[in-house]
Amino acid sequence: MNDRDFMRYSRQILLDDIALDGQQKLLDSQVLIIGLGGLGTPAALYLAGAGVGTLVLADDDDVHLSNLQRQILFTTEDIDRPKSQVSQQRLTQLNPDIQLTALQQRLTGEALKRCGCTGRCGARLYRQYGDSPGD
């Protein structure tokens, strides 16, 4: 961990449950976020801010006006732009020292396997119940 990382993450490094070893684990971690809606966007913000080293951001949708009251990464200027690309841009502004990959696609079946997601991710639950009322 370099001096810049130490300064950026100093407040969480002070926590006994995280400390230097825990922060290094975060920096070395990779997280796949499926769905950049009402749950995915704040999760992405907190993970990027905490220093998770690699975030893969997957969503096949564009930003809509109806998203803005709950999807906190987006503004009116983002309407009709891909959520994954806008999210990548905003998170890079927050933390330029992490790796961000934007996937403008729905991850199911083979595409999900190629991303390396193992086990149950819970994304379907989040996507259906967090952002798609009536589905």
Protein backbone atom coordinates (compact mmCIF):
# COMPACT_ATOMS: atom_id res chain seq x y z
CA MET A 1 0.00 0.00 0.00
CA ASN A 2 1.42 3.36 -0.99
CA ASP A 3 1.24 6.63 0.96
CA ARG A 4 -1.69 7.90 -1.11
CA ASP A 5 -3.72 4.75 -0.35
CA PHE A 6 -2.81 5.00 3.32
CA MET A 7 -4.09 8.59 3.48
CA ARG A 8 -7.24 7.83 1.48
CA TYR A 9 -8.23 4.85 3.63
CA SER A 10 -6.75 6.00 6.95
CA ARG A 11 -10.10 6.24 8.75
CA GLN A 12 -11.04 2.65 8.08
CA ILE A 13 -7.48 1.42 8.68
CA LEU A 14 -7.87 2.79 12.23
CA LEU A 15 -10.65 0.26 12.85
CA ASP A 16 -9.34 -2.86 14.57
CA ASP A 17 -11.55 -5.08 12.42
CA ILE A 18 -10.00 -3.70 9.21
CA ALA A 19 -6.48 -2.41 9.96
CA LEU A 20 -3.76 -2.62 7.29
CA ASP A 21 -4.35 -6.28 6.48
CA GLY A 22 -8.05 -5.78 5.95
CA GLN A 23 -7.51 -2.75 3.75
CA GLN A 24 -5.05 -4.68 1.63
CA LYS A 25 -7.65 -7.44 1.22
CA LEU A 26 -10.13 -4.82 0.00
CA LEU A 27 -7.59 -3.41 -2.46
CA ASP A 28 -6.96 -6.94 -3.77
CA SER A 29 -10.68 -7.80 -4.03
CA GLN A 30 -12.92 -8.00 -7.08
CA VAL A 31 -16.68 -7.45 -6.96
CA LEU A 32 -19.25 -7.95 -9.70
CA ILE A 33 -22.31 -5.71 -9.33
CA ILE A 34 -25.25 -6.90 -11.40
CA GLY A 35 -27.83 -4.17 -11.79
CA LEU A 36 -27.07 -0.49 -11.23
CA GLY A 37 -30.38 0.55 -9.77
CA GLY A 38 -31.62 1.55 -6.35
CA LEU A 39 -29.43 -1.02 -4.57
CA GLY A 40 -26.55 -1.40 -7.01
CA THR A 41 -25.63 2.28 -7.24
CA PRO A 42 -25.16 2.95 -3.51
CA ALA A 43 -23.36 -0.38 -3.16
CA ALA A 44 -21.01 0.64 -5.98
CA LEU A 45 -20.36 4.03 -4.36
CA TYR A 46 -19.49 2.52 -0.99
CA LEU A 47 -17.35 -0.26 -2.47
CA ALA A 48 -15.41 2.21 -4.64
CA GLY A 49 -14.98 4.58 -1.71
CA ALA A 50 -13.81 1.77 0.57
CA GLY A 51 -11.13 0.79 -1.93
CA VAL A 52 -12.34 -2.48 -3.39
CA GLY A 53 -9.66 -2.84 -6.06
CA THR A 54 -11.76 -4.01 -9.00
CA LEU A 55 -15.43 -3.41 -9.68
CA VAL A 56 -17.27 -4.90 -12.65
CA LEU A 57 -20.46 -2.93 -13.28
CA ALA A 58 -23.12 -4.78 -15.28
CA ASP A 59 -26.45 -3.35 -16.42
CA ASP A 60 -28.17 -3.48 -19.80
CA ASP A 61 -30.40 -0.47 -19.19
CA ASP A 62 -30.16 3.27 -19.82
CA VAL A 63 -30.85 5.98 -17.26
CA HIS A 64 -34.50 7.11 -17.20
CA LEU A 65 -36.13 10.06 -15.48
CA SER A 66 -38.00 7.69 -13.15
CA ASN A 67 -34.64 6.34 -11.89
CA LEU A 68 -33.40 9.62 -10.46
CA GLN A 69 -35.29 9.59 -7.17
CA ARG A 70 -33.55 6.42 -5.98
CA GLN A 71 -30.49 5.74 -8.17
CA ILE A 72 -28.01 8.14 -6.65
CA LEU A 73 -25.18 7.97 -9.18
CA PHE A 74 -27.28 9.55 -11.93
CA THR A 75 -28.42 13.08 -12.82
CA THR A 76 -30.77 14.53 -15.43
CA GLU A 77 -27.78 14.95 -17.74
CA ASP A 78 -27.42 11.16 -17.79
CA ILE A 79 -30.91 10.39 -19.13
CA ASP A 80 -30.76 7.99 -22.11
CA ARG A 81 -27.11 7.11 -21.40
CA PRO A 82 -26.08 3.55 -20.42
CA LYS A 83 -26.10 3.05 -16.65
CA SER A 84 -22.91 1.00 -16.71
CA GLN A 85 -20.93 3.68 -18.54
CA VAL A 86 -22.25 6.55 -16.42
CA SER A 87 -21.49 4.56 -13.26
CA GLN A 88 -17.95 3.84 -14.42
CA GLN A 89 -17.41 7.54 -15.11
CA ARG A 90 -18.73 8.70 -11.72
CA LEU A 91 -16.88 6.06 -9.73
CA THR A 92 -13.63 6.93 -11.52
CA GLN A 93 -14.14 10.51 -10.35
CA LEU A 94 -14.63 9.25 -6.79
CA ASN A 95 -11.68 6.86 -6.80
CA PRO A 96 -9.35 6.92 -9.82
CA ASP A 97 -7.05 4.35 -8.21
CA ILE A 98 -9.37 1.35 -8.61
CA GLN A 99 -10.11 -0.70 -11.72
CA LEU A 100 -13.61 -0.32 -13.17
CA THR A 101 -15.15 -2.31 -16.01
CA ALA A 102 -18.53 -1.40 -17.50
CA LEU A 103 -20.61 -4.15 -19.09
CA GLN A 104 -23.68 -2.96 -20.96
CA GLN A 105 -25.43 -6.32 -20.97
CA ARG A 106 -27.70 -8.51 -18.92
CA LEU A 107 -25.59 -11.16 -17.23
CA THR A 108 -27.20 -14.57 -17.41
CA GLY A 109 -25.99 -18.07 -18.23
CA GLU A 110 -22.68 -18.15 -20.07
CA ALA A 111 -22.07 -14.40 -19.77
CA LEU A 112 -22.34 -14.70 -16.00
CA LYS A 113 -19.91 -17.63 -15.93
CA ARG A 114 -17.38 -15.66 -18.02
CA CYS A 115 -17.44 -12.89 -15.41
CA GLY A 116 -16.33 -15.36 -12.77
CA CYS A 117 -19.36 -15.08 -10.50
CA THR A 118 -19.51 -18.20 -8.42
CA GLY A 119 -22.20 -19.21 -5.99
CA ARG A 120 -25.46 -17.34 -5.48
CA CYS A 121 -25.10 -13.64 -6.11
CA GLY A 122 -28.63 -12.60 -5.28
CA ALA A 123 -28.71 -10.23 -8.25
CA ARG A 124 -32.04 -11.46 -9.54
CA LEU A 125 -33.67 -10.67 -6.22
CA TYR A 126 -32.13 -7.19 -6.15
CA ARG A 127 -32.98 -6.45 -9.75
CA GLN A 128 -36.57 -7.66 -9.54
CA TYR A 129 -37.54 -6.34 -6.16
CA GLY A 130 -35.21 -3.40 -5.83
CA ASP A 131 -35.82 -1.70 -9.15
CA SER A 132 -38.58 -3.36 -11.12
CA PRO A 133 -41.92 -2.87 -9.39
CA GLY A 134 -44.60 -5.09 -10.80
CA ASP A 135 -42.24 -7.63 -12.42
